Amino acid sequence: MKHKKRGGELQKISYFDATGRRVLAERYEGGQLTRLELREYPARRTQYGRPTASWLLVRGDYLRHQFLSAPTHATTHYYHRLRPAGECL
């Protein structure tokens, strides 16, 4: 399932799985992708309904990977790569 929300120069698009959980979210500003978020869920539904991992890519090539090993514990890694001046996401 796909859901779009527009407002001026900002556009948000969300994708959901068959059970209604948001698995992918895109954000565009001025027609350019500025944020992309992917959520991974366990194969079978748990009582918490939380993702087991999430990936977040934002403008400037910043990437965050967060692994949720327990409801109250997360391991987070950050990655960054500089792009040449004028090049966009």
Protein backbone atom coordinates (compact mmCIF):
# COMPACT_ATOMS: atom_id res chain seq x y z
CA MET A 1 0.00 0.00 0.00
CA LYS A 2 1.28 3.49 -0.82
CA HIS A 3 0.26 6.78 0.82
CA LYS A 4 1.20 10.25 -0.47
CA LYS A 5 1.01 13.55 1.35
CA ARG A 6 1.76 16.81 -0.47
CA GLY A 7 2.24 20.34 0.68
CA GLY A 8 3.91 22.94 -1.50
CA GLU A 9 7.51 21.92 -2.09
CA LEU A 10 7.35 19.00 0.40
CA GLN A 11 6.15 15.53 -0.56
CA LYS A 12 6.06 12.51 1.76
CA ILE A 13 5.46 8.99 0.48
CA SER A 14 5.01 5.98 2.78
CA TYR A 15 4.83 2.30 1.89
CA PHE A 16 3.11 -0.23 4.15
CA ASP A 17 3.22 -4.02 4.31
CA ALA A 18 0.14 -6.27 4.28
CA THR A 19 -0.26 -5.96 8.06
CA GLY A 20 -0.25 -2.15 8.00
CA ARG A 21 3.28 -1.53 9.26
CA ARG A 22 5.22 1.28 7.57
CA VAL A 23 8.28 -0.25 5.94
CA LEU A 24 9.56 2.56 3.71
CA ALA A 25 9.23 6.34 3.92
CA GLU A 26 10.48 8.86 1.34
CA ARG A 27 10.65 12.64 1.66
CA TYR A 28 11.13 14.99 -1.27
CA GLU A 29 11.81 18.72 -1.10
CA GLY A 30 11.60 20.62 -4.35
CA GLY A 31 11.38 17.32 -6.25
CA GLN A 32 14.64 15.96 -4.79
CA LEU A 33 14.90 13.03 -2.40
CA THR A 34 16.14 14.34 0.97
CA ARG A 35 15.29 11.48 3.34
CA LEU A 36 14.79 7.74 2.95
CA GLU A 37 13.93 5.43 5.85
CA LEU A 38 13.63 1.65 5.75
CA ARG A 39 12.32 -0.39 8.68
CA GLU A 40 12.88 -4.13 9.08
CA TYR A 41 10.43 -6.20 11.10
CA PRO A 42 10.71 -9.73 12.49
CA ALA A 43 9.27 -12.49 10.31
CA ARG A 44 6.53 -13.20 12.83
CA ARG A 45 4.63 -10.54 14.69
CA THR A 46 5.83 -9.88 18.26
CA GLN A 47 3.95 -8.35 21.15
CA TYR A 48 5.90 -5.10 20.75
CA GLY A 49 5.29 -4.68 17.00
CA ARG A 50 8.52 -2.70 16.73
CA PRO A 51 11.04 -2.94 13.92
CA THR A 52 14.19 -4.99 14.53
CA ALA A 53 16.29 -2.57 12.51
CA SER A 54 16.01 0.72 10.71
CA TRP A 55 18.09 2.43 8.06
CA LEU A 56 17.96 6.19 7.59
CA LEU A 57 19.61 8.04 4.69
CA VAL A 58 19.50 11.84 4.70
CA ARG A 59 20.89 14.61 2.51
CA GLY A 60 24.67 14.75 2.46
CA ASP A 61 25.06 10.95 2.48
CA TYR A 62 24.49 10.47 6.18
CA LEU A 63 23.42 6.91 6.92
CA ARG A 64 22.26 5.62 10.29
CA HIS A 65 21.76 1.92 10.93
CA GLN A 66 20.01 1.07 14.16
CA PHE A 67 19.60 -2.52 15.33
CA LEU A 68 17.07 -3.09 18.10
CA SER A 69 18.10 -6.24 19.96
CA ALA A 70 15.58 -5.70 22.78
CA PRO A 71 12.70 -3.27 23.38
CA THR A 72 14.99 -1.03 25.46
CA HIS A 73 18.38 -1.59 23.79
CA ALA A 74 19.58 -0.35 20.41
CA THR A 75 22.96 -0.51 18.71
CA THR A 76 23.52 2.43 16.39
CA HIS A 77 26.12 2.93 13.68
CA TYR A 78 26.64 6.12 11.66
CA TYR A 79 28.23 6.42 8.23
CA HIS A 80 29.08 9.50 6.18
CA ARG A 81 30.55 10.16 2.73
CA LEU A 82 31.18 13.64 1.42
CA ARG A 83 29.95 14.45 -2.08
CA PRO A 84 31.43 16.99 -4.46
CA ALA A 85 29.99 20.51 -4.13
CA GLY A 86 26.71 20.91 -6.01
CA GLU A 87 25.85 17.21 -6.13
CA CYS A 88 22.55 16.33 -4.42
CA LEU A 89 21.14 13.17 -2.86
